[in-house]
C-alpha atoms as a PDB file:
ATOM      1  CA  MET A   1     246.031 164.114  78.275  1.00  0.00           C
ATOM      2  CA  THR A   2     246.859 167.893  78.534  1.00  0.00           C
ATOM      3  CA  PHE A   3     245.257 170.575  76.743  1.00  0.00           C
ATOM      4  CA  ALA A   4     247.970 171.270  75.020  1.00  0.00           C
ATOM      5  CA  SER A   5     248.296 167.602  73.665  1.00  0.00           C
ATOM      6  CA  LYS A   6     245.202 168.067  72.198  1.00  0.00           C
ATOM      7  CA  GLU A   7     245.765 170.874  70.418  1.00  0.00           C
ATOM      8  CA  ALA A   8     248.579 169.388  68.998  1.00  0.00           C
ATOM      9  CA  LEU A   9     246.967 166.417  67.859  1.00  0.00           C
ATOM     10  CA  LEU A  10     243.890 168.051  66.644  1.00  0.00           C
ATOM     11  CA  PRO A  11     245.347 169.025  63.107  1.00  0.00           C
ATOM     12  CA  ILE A  12     246.255 165.514  62.683  1.00  0.00           C
ATOM     13  CA  ALA A  13     242.969 163.895  63.557  1.00  0.00           C
ATOM     14  CA  ARG A  14     241.547 166.963  61.079  1.00  0.00           C
ATOM     15  CA  ALA A  15     243.837 165.931  58.358  1.00  0.00           C
ATOM     16  CA  ALA A  16     242.453 162.008  58.854  1.00  0.00           C
ATOM     17  CA  ARG A  17     239.210 163.058  59.048  1.00  0.00           C
ATOM     18  CA  LEU A  18     239.249 164.553  55.603  1.00  0.00           C
ATOM     19  CA  ARG A  19     240.927 161.813  53.844  1.00  0.00           C
ATOM     20  CA  LEU A  20     238.186 159.447  55.314  1.00  0.00           C
ATOM     21  CA  ARG A  21     235.269 161.687  53.982  1.00  0.00           C
ATOM     22  CA  TYR A  22     237.197 162.250  50.528  1.00  0.00           C
ATOM     23  CA  GLN A  23     237.517 158.303  50.160  1.00  0.00           C
ATOM     24  CA  TRP A  24     234.083 157.936  51.373  1.00  0.00           C
ATOM     25  CA  SER A  25     232.735 160.646  49.066  1.00  0.00           C
ATOM     26  CA  LYS A  26     234.608 159.356  45.674  1.00  0.00           C
ATOM     27  CA  ARG A  27     233.144 156.015  46.213  1.00  0.00           C
ATOM     28  CA  ARG A  28     229.824 157.044  46.853  1.00  0.00           C
ATOM     29  CA  ALA A  29     230.049 159.462  43.629  1.00  0.00           C
ATOM     30  CA  GLY A  30     231.302 156.782  41.382  1.00  0.00           C
ATOM     31  CA  SER A  31     227.959 154.575  41.844  1.00  0.00           C
ATOM     32  CA  SER A  32     226.422 154.111  38.699  1.00  0.00           C
ATOM     33  CA  ARG A  33     222.838 154.252  40.321  1.00  0.00           C
ATOM     34  CA  HIS A  34     220.397 156.996  39.370  1.00  0.00           C
ATOM     35  CA  PHE A  35     218.673 158.846  42.264  1.00  0.00           C
ATOM     36  CA  ARG A  36     215.663 160.783  41.910  1.00  0.00           C
ATOM     37  CA  PHE A  37     215.047 163.942  43.675  1.00  0.00           C
ATOM     38  CA  GLN A  38     211.567 164.053  44.598  1.00  0.00           C
ATOM     39  CA  THR A  39     211.716 167.663  44.877  1.00  0.00           C
ATOM     40  CA  PRO A  40     214.683 170.092  43.037  1.00  0.00           C
ATOM     41  CA  PRO A  41     217.490 170.679  45.448  1.00  0.00           C
ATOM     42  CA  VAL A  42     217.596 174.478  47.009  1.00  0.00           C
ATOM     43  CA  PHE A  43     221.126 175.860  46.898  1.00  0.00           C
ATOM     44  CA  VAL A  44     222.120 178.568  49.851  1.00  0.00           C
ATOM     45  CA  ILE A  45     224.490 180.915  48.489  1.00  0.00           C
ATOM     46  CA  GLY A  46     225.865 184.256  49.245  1.00  0.00           C
ATOM     47  CA  CYS A  47     229.270 185.823  49.891  1.00  0.00           C
ATOM     48  CA  GLY A  48     231.206 184.010  52.870  1.00  0.00           C
ATOM     49  CA  ARG A  49     230.538 185.606  56.396  1.00  0.00           C
ATOM     50  CA  SER A  50     227.101 186.583  55.496  1.00  0.00           C
ATOM     51  CA  GLY A  51     224.822 184.731  57.313  1.00  0.00           C
ATOM     52  CA  THR A  52     224.791 181.723  55.463  1.00  0.00           C
ATOM     53  CA  THR A  53     226.338 179.242  57.925  1.00  0.00           C
ATOM     54  CA  ILE A  54     222.938 180.463  60.666  1.00  0.00           C
ATOM     55  CA  LEU A  55     220.226 180.398  57.647  1.00  0.00           C
ATOM     56  CA  GLY A  56     221.328 177.376  57.060  1.00  0.00           C
ATOM     57  CA  GLU A  57     221.188 175.946  61.097  1.00  0.00           C
ATOM     58  CA  LEU A  58     217.665 177.151  60.849  1.00  0.00           C
ATOM     59  CA  LEU A  59     216.674 175.252  57.783  1.00  0.00           C
ATOM     60  CA  LYS A  60     218.217 172.483  59.155  1.00  0.00           C
ATOM     61  CA  ALA A  61     216.102 172.132  62.200  1.00  0.00           C
ATOM     62  CA  HIS A  62     212.746 172.245  59.949  1.00  0.00           C
ATOM     63  CA  PRO A  63     211.193 168.630  59.495  1.00  0.00           C
ATOM     64  CA  ASN A  64     210.734 169.297  55.789  1.00  0.00           C
ATOM     65  CA  VAL A  65     214.693 169.584  55.200  1.00  0.00           C
ATOM     66  CA  SER A  66     217.443 167.492  54.647  1.00  0.00           C
ATOM     67  CA  TYR A  67     220.883 169.857  55.041  1.00  0.00           C
ATOM     68  CA  LEU A  68     224.253 169.581  54.051  1.00  0.00           C
ATOM     69  CA  PHE A  69     226.700 171.718  55.266  1.00  0.00           C
ATOM     70  CA  GLU A  70     229.361 173.126  53.109  1.00  0.00           C
ATOM     71  CA  PRO A  71     230.082 169.174  51.600  1.00  0.00           C
ATOM     72  CA  TYR A  72     233.517 170.070  49.942  1.00  0.00           C
ATOM     73  CA  HIS A  73     234.691 166.547  50.061  1.00  0.00           C
ATOM     74  CA  PHE A  74     231.178 165.623  47.781  1.00  0.00           C
ATOM     75  CA  TRP A  75     231.547 168.701  45.976  1.00  0.00           C
ATOM     76  CA  THR A  76     235.342 167.138  45.018  1.00  0.00           C
ATOM     77  CA  ALA A  77     234.150 163.945  44.521  1.00  0.00           C
ATOM     78  CA  VAL A  78     232.048 165.304  41.921  1.00  0.00           C
ATOM     79  CA  ASP A  79     234.805 167.365  40.263  1.00  0.00           C
ATOM     80  CA  SER A  80     237.968 167.897  41.434  1.00  0.00           C
ATOM     81  CA  ARG A  81     237.979 171.661  39.759  1.00  0.00           C
ATOM     82  CA  THR A  82     235.550 172.940  42.997  1.00  0.00           C
ATOM     83  CA  ASP A  83     238.626 172.277  45.321  1.00  0.00           C
ATOM     84  CA  MET A  84     239.350 175.785  45.070  1.00  0.00           C
ATOM     85  CA  LEU A  85     240.906 175.464  48.865  1.00  0.00           C
ATOM     86  CA  HIS A  86     242.840 172.539  47.880  1.00  0.00           C
ATOM     87  CA  LEU A  87     241.454 170.599  50.824  1.00  0.00           C
ATOM     88  CA  TYR A  88     241.929 167.127  49.182  1.00  0.00           C
ATOM     89  CA  GLU A  89     243.402 167.662  45.649  1.00  0.00           C
ATOM     90  CA  GLN A  90     246.262 169.726  44.332  1.00  0.00           C
ATOM     91  CA  SER A  91     244.781 169.648  40.979  1.00  0.00           C
ATOM     92  CA  ALA A  92     243.484 172.667  38.753  1.00  0.00           C
ATOM     93  CA  ALA A  93     240.512 174.459  40.579  1.00  0.00           C
ATOM     94  CA  ALA A  94     238.061 177.277  40.004  1.00  0.00           C
ATOM     95  CA  CYS A  95     235.772 179.223  42.272  1.00  0.00           C
ATOM     96  CA  ALA A  96     234.100 180.132  39.478  1.00  0.00           C
ATOM     97  CA  LEU A  97     232.195 177.594  36.952  1.00  0.00           C
ATOM     98  CA  SER A  98     229.553 177.862  34.281  1.00  0.00           C
ATOM     99  CA  ALA A  99     227.087 175.609  32.703  1.00  0.00           C
ATOM    100  CA  ASP A 100     229.613 174.788  30.247  1.00  0.00           C
ATOM    101  CA  ASP A 101     231.839 172.962  32.808  1.00  0.00           C
ATOM    102  CA  ALA A 102     228.600 170.789  33.792  1.00  0.00           C
ATOM    103  CA  THR A 103     229.565 167.444  31.642  1.00  0.00           C
ATOM    104  CA  PRO A 104     227.055 164.335  32.020  1.00  0.00           C
ATOM    105  CA  ARG A 105     229.532 162.434  33.925  1.00  0.00           C
ATOM    106  CA  ILE A 106     229.607 165.277  36.279  1.00  0.00           C
ATOM    107  CA  ALA A 107     226.081 165.319  36.576  1.00  0.00           C
ATOM    108  CA  GLN A 108     225.715 161.404  36.920  1.00  0.00           C
ATOM    109  CA  ARG A 109     228.663 161.998  39.897  1.00  0.00           C
ATOM    110  CA  PHE A 110     226.185 164.683  41.171  1.00  0.00           C
ATOM    111  CA  ASN A 111     223.141 162.556  41.429  1.00  0.00           C
ATOM    112  CA  ALA A 112     225.098 159.756  43.011  1.00  0.00           C
ATOM    113  CA  ALA A 113     226.452 161.852  45.563  1.00  0.00           C
ATOM    114  CA  PHE A 114     223.768 164.088  46.234  1.00  0.00           C
ATOM    115  CA  GLY A 115     221.129 162.158  44.924  1.00  0.00           C
ATOM    116  CA  ARG A 116     221.242 159.546  47.792  1.00  0.00           C
ATOM    117  CA  VAL A 117     221.321 161.909  50.368  1.00  0.00           C
ATOM    118  CA  ALA A 118     217.603 163.196  48.816  1.00  0.00           C
ATOM    119  CA  ALA A 119     216.558 159.777  48.167  1.00  0.00           C
ATOM    120  CA  ALA A 120     217.022 158.410  51.970  1.00  0.00           C
ATOM    121  CA  THR A 121     214.159 160.863  52.770  1.00  0.00           C
ATOM    122  CA  PRO A 122     212.626 161.961  50.006  1.00  0.00           C
ATOM    123  CA  SER A 123     209.432 163.739  52.018  1.00  0.00           C
ATOM    124  CA  ARG A 124     211.813 166.357  52.647  1.00  0.00           C
ATOM    125  CA  VAL A 125     213.786 169.019  50.600  1.00  0.00           C
ATOM    126  CA  LEU A 126     217.712 168.476  50.354  1.00  0.00           C
ATOM    127  CA  VAL A 127     219.291 172.016  51.128  1.00  0.00           C
ATOM    128  CA  GLU A 128     223.124 172.494  50.663  1.00  0.00           C
ATOM    129  CA  LYS A 129     224.836 175.439  51.903  1.00  0.00           C
ATOM    130  CA  THR A 130     228.327 176.596  49.809  1.00  0.00           C
ATOM    131  CA  PRO A 131     228.943 180.504  49.650  1.00  0.00           C
ATOM    132  CA  ILE A 132     231.432 179.511  46.659  1.00  0.00           C
ATOM    133  CA  ASN A 133     228.397 178.301  44.847  1.00  0.00           C
ATOM    134  CA  SER A 134     227.468 181.749  44.179  1.00  0.00           C
ATOM    135  CA  LEU A 135     229.839 182.045  41.530  1.00  0.00           C
ATOM    136  CA  ARG A 136     228.916 178.573  39.980  1.00  0.00           C
ATOM    137  CA  ILE A 137     225.046 179.334  39.725  1.00  0.00           C
ATOM    138  CA  SER A 138     224.831 178.511  35.901  1.00  0.00           C
ATOM    139  CA  TYR A 139     227.091 175.365  36.471  1.00  0.00           C
ATOM    140  CA  LEU A 140     224.316 173.869  39.327  1.00  0.00           C
ATOM    141  CA  ASP A 141     221.241 174.791  37.515  1.00  0.00           C
ATOM    142  CA  ALA A 142     223.021 172.419  34.770  1.00  0.00           C
ATOM    143  CA  ILE A 143     223.588 169.263  36.643  1.00  0.00           C
ATOM    144  CA  ALA A 144     220.662 169.726  39.047  1.00  0.00           C
ATOM    145  CA  PRO A 145     217.685 171.241  36.718  1.00  0.00           C
ATOM    146  CA  SER A 146     215.143 173.427  38.139  1.00  0.00           C
ATOM    147  CA  CYS A 147     216.816 173.964  41.563  1.00  0.00           C
ATOM    148  CA  ARG A 148     216.377 177.176  43.714  1.00  0.00           C
ATOM    149  CA  PHE A 149     218.619 179.322  45.045  1.00  0.00           C
ATOM    150  CA  ILE A 150     218.260 181.390  48.576  1.00  0.00           C
ATOM    151  CA  HIS A 151     220.901 184.671  48.369  1.00  0.00           C
ATOM    152  CA  ILE A 152     221.299 186.171  51.217  1.00  0.00           C
ATOM    153  CA  VAL A 153     223.247 189.645  51.559  1.00  0.00           C
ATOM    154  CA  ARG A 154     225.016 191.319  54.349  1.00  0.00           C
ATOM    155  CA  ASP A 155     226.628 194.579  54.501  1.00  0.00           C
ATOM    156  CA  GLY A 156     230.037 194.594  52.527  1.00  0.00           C
ATOM    157  CA  VAL A 157     232.303 196.257  55.175  1.00  0.00           C
ATOM    158  CA  ASP A 158     230.968 193.736  57.600  1.00  0.00           C
ATOM    159  CA  VAL A 159     231.663 191.017  55.384  1.00  0.00           C
ATOM    160  CA  ALA A 160     235.208 192.006  54.538  1.00  0.00           C
ATOM    161  CA  ARG A 161     236.119 192.683  58.440  1.00  0.00           C
ATOM    162  CA  SER A 162     234.731 189.211  59.119  1.00  0.00           C
ATOM    163  CA  ILE A 163     236.674 187.821  56.365  1.00  0.00           C
ATOM    164  CA  GLU A 164     239.699 189.834  57.713  1.00  0.00           C
ATOM    165  CA  ARG A 165     239.386 187.896  61.130  1.00  0.00           C
ATOM    166  CA  LEU A 166     239.048 184.614  60.306  1.00  0.00           C
ATOM    167  CA  ALA A 167     241.887 184.808  57.886  1.00  0.00           C
ATOM    168  CA  THR A 168     244.185 186.713  60.288  1.00  0.00           C
ATOM    169  CA  THR A 169     243.342 184.340  63.265  1.00  0.00           C
ATOM    170  CA  ASN A 170     243.660 181.544  61.085  1.00  0.00           C
ATOM    171  CA  GLU A 171     242.846 179.023  64.150  1.00  0.00           C
ATOM    172  CA  TYR A 172     242.167 175.861  61.256  1.00  0.00           C
ATOM    173  CA  ARG A 173     245.497 173.961  61.229  1.00  0.00           C
ATOM    174  CA  ILE A 174     245.708 171.068  58.995  1.00  0.00           C
ATOM    175  CA  ALA A 175     248.411 168.568  59.443  1.00  0.00           C
ATOM    176  CA  GLY A 176     250.823 167.945  56.007  1.00  0.00           C
ATOM    177  CA  LYS A 177     249.368 171.781  55.121  1.00  0.00           C
ATOM    178  CA  PRO A 178     251.783 174.730  57.108  1.00  0.00           C
ATOM    179  CA  LYS A 179     250.774 177.322  54.737  1.00  0.00           C
ATOM    180  CA  PHE A 180     246.928 176.583  54.931  1.00  0.00           C
ATOM    181  CA  ASN A 181     245.174 179.742  55.822  1.00  0.00           C
ATOM    182  CA  GLN A 182     241.701 179.023  57.045  1.00  0.00           C
ATOM    183  CA  TRP A 183     239.513 181.601  54.176  1.00  0.00           C
ATOM    184  CA  TRP A 184     242.310 181.383  51.527  1.00  0.00           C
ATOM    185  CA  GLY A 185     243.160 177.722  51.588  1.00  0.00           C
ATOM    186  CA  ASP A 186     246.354 176.511  50.745  1.00  0.00           C
ATOM    187  CA  ASP A 187     249.113 178.722  50.281  1.00  0.00           C
ATOM    188  CA  ASP A 188     246.476 181.349  49.307  1.00  0.00           C
ATOM    189  CA  VAL A 189     245.049 179.624  46.304  1.00  0.00           C
ATOM    190  CA  LYS A 190     241.339 180.355  46.929  1.00  0.00           C
ATOM    191  CA  TRP A 191     242.600 183.884  46.551  1.00  0.00           C
ATOM    192  CA  ARG A 192     244.886 183.380  43.283  1.00  0.00           C
ATOM    193  CA  LEU A 193     241.617 181.819  42.036  1.00  0.00           C
ATOM    194  CA  LEU A 194     239.118 184.276  42.999  1.00  0.00           C
ATOM    195  CA  ALA A 195     241.472 187.184  41.307  1.00  0.00           C
ATOM    196  CA  ARG A 196     241.781 184.829  37.924  1.00  0.00           C
ATOM    197  CA  ASP A 197     238.077 184.235  37.820  1.00  0.00           C
ATOM    198  CA  GLY A 198     236.891 187.546  39.111  1.00  0.00           C
ATOM    199  CA  ALA A 199     239.046 189.423  36.533  1.00  0.00           C
ATOM    200  CA  SER A 200     237.970 186.788  33.497  1.00  0.00           C
ATOM    201  CA  LEU A 201     234.507 187.728  34.390  1.00  0.00           C
ATOM    202  CA  GLY A 202     235.210 191.110  34.181  1.00  0.00           C
ATOM    203  CA  HIS A 203     235.408 192.316  37.614  1.00  0.00           C
ATOM    204  CA  HIS A 204     238.103 194.822  38.402  1.00  0.00           C
ATOM    205  CA  PRO A 205     240.565 192.864  36.393  1.00  0.00           C
ATOM    206  CA  PHE A 206     242.990 195.678  36.967  1.00  0.00           C
ATOM    207  CA  GLU A 207     242.575 195.858  40.399  1.00  0.00           C
ATOM    208  CA  ALA A 208     242.611 192.509  41.499  1.00  0.00           C
ATOM    209  CA  PRO A 209     246.130 191.185  40.898  1.00  0.00           C
ATOM    210  CA  HIS A 210     247.249 193.694  43.298  1.00  0.00           C
ATOM    211  CA  LEU A 211     245.102 193.670  46.313  1.00  0.00           C
ATOM    212  CA  THR A 212     247.180 192.261  49.388  1.00  0.00           C
ATOM    213  CA  ASP A 213     245.116 193.301  52.591  1.00  0.00           C
ATOM    214  CA  HIS A 214     242.885 190.513  53.907  1.00  0.00           C
ATOM    215  CA  ASP A 215     239.610 192.917  54.558  1.00  0.00           C
ATOM    216  CA  VAL A 216     240.209 194.511  50.874  1.00  0.00           C
ATOM    217  CA  ARG A 217     240.515 190.698  49.556  1.00  0.00           C
ATOM    218  CA  GLY A 218     236.909 190.009  51.347  1.00  0.00           C
ATOM    219  CA  ALA A 219     235.241 193.158  49.719  1.00  0.00           C
ATOM    220  CA  TYR A 220     236.357 191.880  46.190  1.00  0.00           C
ATOM    221  CA  GLU A 221     234.960 188.502  46.900  1.00  0.00           C
ATOM    222  CA  TRP A 222     231.748 190.131  48.223  1.00  0.00           C
ATOM    223  CA  LEU A 223     231.550 192.331  44.984  1.00  0.00           C
ATOM    224  CA  VAL A 224     232.463 189.364  43.018  1.00  0.00           C
ATOM    225  CA  SER A 225     229.768 187.388  44.209  1.00  0.00           C
ATOM    226  CA  LEU A 226     226.812 190.061  44.050  1.00  0.00           C
ATOM    227  CA  HIS A 227     227.518 190.917  40.568  1.00  0.00           C
ATOM    228  CA  GLU A 228     227.707 186.866  40.028  1.00  0.00           C
ATOM    229  CA  VAL A 229     223.980 187.016  41.553  1.00  0.00           C
ATOM    230  CA  ASN A 230     222.497 189.782  39.825  1.00  0.00           C
ATOM    231  CA  ARG A 231     224.046 188.376  36.201  1.00  0.00           C
ATOM    232  CA  PHE A 232     221.563 185.352  36.372  1.00  0.00           C
ATOM    233  CA  ARG A 233     218.896 186.881  38.241  1.00  0.00           C
ATOM    234  CA  ASN A 234     216.494 186.919  35.130  1.00  0.00           C
ATOM    235  CA  MET A 235     217.208 183.406  34.160  1.00  0.00           C
ATOM    236  CA  LEU A 236     216.330 182.372  37.469  1.00  0.00           C
ATOM    237  CA  ASP A 237     213.366 184.260  38.131  1.00  0.00           C
ATOM    238  CA  ASP A 238     211.096 183.515  40.649  1.00  0.00           C
ATOM    239  CA  ARG A 239     213.630 180.885  41.656  1.00  0.00           C
ATOM    240  CA  LEU A 240     215.954 182.790  43.416  1.00  0.00           C
ATOM    241  CA  LEU A 241     214.994 184.464  46.876  1.00  0.00           C
ATOM    242  CA  GLU A 242     217.145 187.015  48.033  1.00  0.00           C
ATOM    243  CA  ILE A 243     217.109 188.002  52.046  1.00  0.00           C
ATOM    244  CA  ARG A 244     219.101 190.681  53.654  1.00  0.00           C
ATOM    245  CA  TYR A 245     220.825 189.413  56.780  1.00  0.00           C
ATOM    246  CA  THR A 246     219.539 192.314  58.405  1.00  0.00           C
ATOM    247  CA  ASP A 247     215.838 191.369  58.104  1.00  0.00           C
ATOM    248  CA  LEU A 248     216.685 187.742  59.277  1.00  0.00           C
ATOM    249  CA  ILE A 249     218.029 189.379  62.428  1.00  0.00           C
ATOM    250  CA  SER A 250     215.628 192.071  63.188  1.00  0.00           C
ATOM    251  CA  SER A 251     212.380 190.054  61.706  1.00  0.00           C
ATOM    252  CA  PRO A 252     213.156 186.699  62.005  1.00  0.00           C
ATOM    253  CA  ARG A 253     209.309 185.548  61.994  1.00  0.00           C
ATOM    254  CA  GLU A 254     208.535 186.954  58.707  1.00  0.00           C
ATOM    255  CA  THR A 255     211.528 186.192  57.017  1.00  0.00           C
ATOM    256  CA  LEU A 256     211.503 182.826  57.898  1.00  0.00           C
ATOM    257  CA  ASP A 257     207.779 182.455  56.883  1.00  0.00           C
ATOM    258  CA  THR A 258     208.988 184.208  53.417  1.00  0.00           C
ATOM    259  CA  ILE A 259     211.831 181.487  52.982  1.00  0.00           C
ATOM    260  CA  ALA A 260     209.530 178.706  54.008  1.00  0.00           C
ATOM    261  CA  SER A 261     206.607 179.581  51.380  1.00  0.00           C
ATOM    262  CA  PHE A 262     209.556 179.905  48.571  1.00  0.00           C
ATOM    263  CA  MET A 263     210.838 176.353  49.564  1.00  0.00           C
ATOM    264  CA  ARG A 264     207.278 175.139  50.048  1.00  0.00           C
ATOM    265  CA  ILE A 265     208.285 173.447  53.065  1.00  0.00           C
ATOM    266  CA  GLY A 266     205.772 174.717  55.994  1.00  0.00           C
ATOM    267  CA  ALA A 267     206.310 177.684  58.101  1.00  0.00           C
ATOM    268  CA  LEU A 268     205.272 175.228  61.301  1.00  0.00           C
ATOM    269  CA  ARG A 269     204.942 177.330  64.610  1.00  0.00           C
ATOM    270  CA  ASP A 270     207.064 175.352  66.658  1.00  0.00           C
ATOM    271  CA  TRP A 271     210.125 175.456  64.144  1.00  0.00           C
ATOM    272  CA  LEU A 272     209.552 179.309  63.700  1.00  0.00           C
ATOM    273  CA  ASN A 273     209.153 179.823  67.045  1.00  0.00           C
ATOM    274  CA  ALA A 274     212.288 177.857  68.093  1.00  0.00           C
ATOM    275  CA  SER A 275     214.065 179.604  65.131  1.00  0.00           C
ATOM    276  CA  VAL A 276     212.936 183.035  66.635  1.00  0.00           C
ATOM    277  CA  ASN A 277     214.520 182.084  70.048  1.00  0.00           C
ATOM    278  CA  ARG A 278     218.063 181.011  68.437  1.00  0.00           C
ATOM    279  CA  ILE A 279     218.594 184.303  66.835  1.00  0.00           C
ATOM    280  CA  ASP A 280     220.314 187.157  68.531  1.00  0.00           C
ATOM    281  CA  ALA A 281     218.745 190.394  67.883  1.00  0.00           C
ATOM    282  CA  ASN A 282     222.171 191.707  68.508  1.00  0.00           C
ATOM    283  CA  ARG A 283     224.734 189.873  66.443  1.00  0.00           C
ATOM    284  CA  SER A 284     227.297 192.216  65.098  1.00  0.00           C
ATOM    285  CA  MET A 285     226.501 194.489  62.779  1.00  0.00           C
ATOM    286  CA  LYS A 286     229.143 197.412  62.556  1.00  0.00           C
ATOM    287  CA  SER A 287     229.783 198.711  59.419  1.00  0.00           C
ATOM    288  CA  GLY A 288     231.878 201.569  59.644  1.00  0.00           C
ATOM    289  CA  ALA A 289     233.953 202.293  56.363  1.00  0.00           C
ATOM    290  CA  ILE A 290     236.754 200.301  54.359  1.00  0.00           C
ATOM    291  CA  THR A 291     239.573 201.731  52.255  1.00  0.00           C
ATOM    292  CA  LEU A 292     239.421 200.258  48.286  1.00  0.00           C
ATOM    293  CA  PRO A 293     240.784 201.363  45.060  1.00  0.00           C
ATOM    294  CA  SER A 294     238.679 204.007  43.426  1.00  0.00           C
ATOM    295  CA  ALA A 295     236.861 202.012  40.970  1.00  0.00           C
ATOM    296  CA  MET A 296     236.016 199.405  43.545  1.00  0.00           C
ATOM    297  CA  ALA A 297     235.070 201.851  46.064  1.00  0.00           C
ATOM    298  CA  ASP A 298     232.394 203.221  43.832  1.00  0.00           C
ATOM    299  CA  ASP A 299     230.920 199.780  42.887  1.00  0.00           C
ATOM    300  CA  PHE A 300     230.999 198.953  46.540  1.00  0.00           C
ATOM    301  CA  ASN A 301     228.969 201.758  47.293  1.00  0.00           C
ATOM    302  CA  GLU A 302     226.663 201.730  44.620  1.00  0.00           C
ATOM    303  CA  LEU A 303     225.789 197.838  45.831  1.00  0.00           C
ATOM    304  CA  GLN A 304     225.836 198.916  49.429  1.00  0.00           C
ATOM    305  CA  SER A 305     223.134 201.951  48.591  1.00  0.00           C
ATOM    306  CA  GLN A 306     221.035 199.070  46.308  1.00  0.00           C
ATOM    307  CA  TYR A 307     220.626 197.232  49.702  1.00  0.00           C
ATOM    308  CA  ASN A 308     220.362 200.286  52.141  1.00  0.00           C
ATOM    309  CA  PHE A 309     223.408 198.788  53.791  1.00  0.00           C
ATOM    310  CA  ARG A 310     225.104 201.576  56.442  1.00  0.00           C
ATOM    311  CA  GLY A 311     228.900 200.669  55.464  1.00  0.00           C
ATOM    312  CA  VAL A 312     230.756 203.043  53.109  1.00  0.00           C
ATOM    313  CA  ALA A 313     234.057 202.485  50.810  1.00  0.00           C
ATOM    314  CA  ILE A 314     236.761 205.385  50.793  1.00  0.00           C
ATOM    315  CA  THR A 315     239.415 205.968  48.660  1.00  0.00           C
ATOM    316  CA  ASP A 316     243.106 206.644  49.389  1.00  0.00           C
ATOM    317  CA  SER A 317     242.930 210.515  48.974  1.00  0.00           C
ATOM    318  CA  GLU A 318     239.773 210.536  51.240  1.00  0.00           C
ATOM    319  CA  GLU A 319     241.026 208.213  53.980  1.00  0.00           C
ATOM    320  CA  THR A 320     244.211 210.574  53.879  1.00  0.00           C
ATOM    321  CA  ARG A 321     241.730 213.985  53.641  1.00  0.00           C
ATOM    322  CA  GLN A 322     240.129 212.517  56.726  1.00  0.00           C
ATOM    323  CA  ARG A 323     243.456 211.827  58.928  1.00  0.00           C
ATOM    324  CA  VAL A 324     245.112 215.021  57.911  1.00  0.00           C
ATOM    325  CA  PRO A 325     243.867 218.211  59.549  1.00  0.00           C
ATOM    326  CA  SER A 326     242.940 221.173  56.502  1.00  0.00           C
ATOM    327  CA  PRO A 327     245.085 224.637  57.094  1.00  0.00           C
ATOM    328  CA  ARG A 328     242.286 225.812  58.938  1.00  0.00           C
ATOM    329  CA  GLN A 329     242.066 223.120  61.477  1.00  0.00           C
ATOM    330  CA  ARG A 330     245.730 223.668  61.579  1.00  0.00           C
ATOM    331  CA  ASP A 331     245.490 226.944  62.289  1.00  0.00           C
ATOM    332  CA  GLY A 332     242.641 227.014  64.970  1.00  0.00           C
ATOM    333  CA  VAL A 333     245.344 224.895  66.493  1.00  0.00           C
ATOM    334  CA  ARG A 334     247.972 226.779  66.567  1.00  0.00           C
ATOM    335  CA  GLU A 335     246.073 229.707  68.030  1.00  0.00           C
ATOM    336  CA  GLU A 336     245.089 227.325  70.451  1.00  0.00           C
ATOM    337  CA  GLU A 337     247.876 226.488  71.812  1.00  0.00           C
ATOM    338  CA  SER A 338     249.177 230.030  71.505  1.00  0.00           C
ATOM    339  CA  ALA A 339     246.136 231.076  73.746  1.00  0.00           C
ATOM    340  CA  GLY A 340     247.183 228.580  76.622  1.00  0.00           C
ATOM    341  CA  GLN A 341     250.714 229.558  76.798  1.00  0.00           C
END
């Protein structure tokens, strides 16, 4: 079979795998069995493209951790509203969910699906990583009492640029979904839900409906994610640990030691050494500038400053001023041109 043939079959195989995993997850979530979490689960959250994946992979390698990587099939089986990409269902969905959305039935289905994973290895801590859970903190707290959160934060400009690259290249194809975007879901459904939910929560409601560029939408997702974590910071208190992506990359040993202490899993020497060796200190941290609507730019820069990140947001007028030379600069150009004739 040629490479081209394999590439053509991949979307078909992906669609079949998604369907089978979802059917299996629904059967599991529908079980009436109750499983006990020996230790409350830990949720790794943060705007997508902020380093949640590398952090999750490092935690996965710890012998005292059971790890679930973005188990969208589990979540949709527990509550179909969580399928904000429309991977499995075409029903009503949401990016943001609150404690009011967490019914006893959903809590039972969560226990049946996720609790079984935890019960399989009761000596381990269950760690789940799904970035959009940044917008579902009180929902998770209601269905998984005493759960803990690790929030990883990355420079907003780098996050927005990374989202732009994924949304533009769009290499993740699924048979039967010709309008599926790797970042924004089937026919842009995730963006529409994010703009709707973000606006309803008070996050730039006048700007959100008019954002079109991938990087600007990515910046909006970053803003909403950080603000929603901040909204529940006091409620979570010591159940929330926040780290910066830059610290994980530049000081991995110290950062992972802090995380292990927070999770009470032990900073095992072999695990620490192996984790440090896996981290590339030269991972992409480019920063720079991004053009945003005025109110969003002010909000963005305030958060960037709080975390001591280098990237900045500028407005359309500022971008124009940087691109168009001043009268003095233009006169200088003309004088130089005249002198050279």
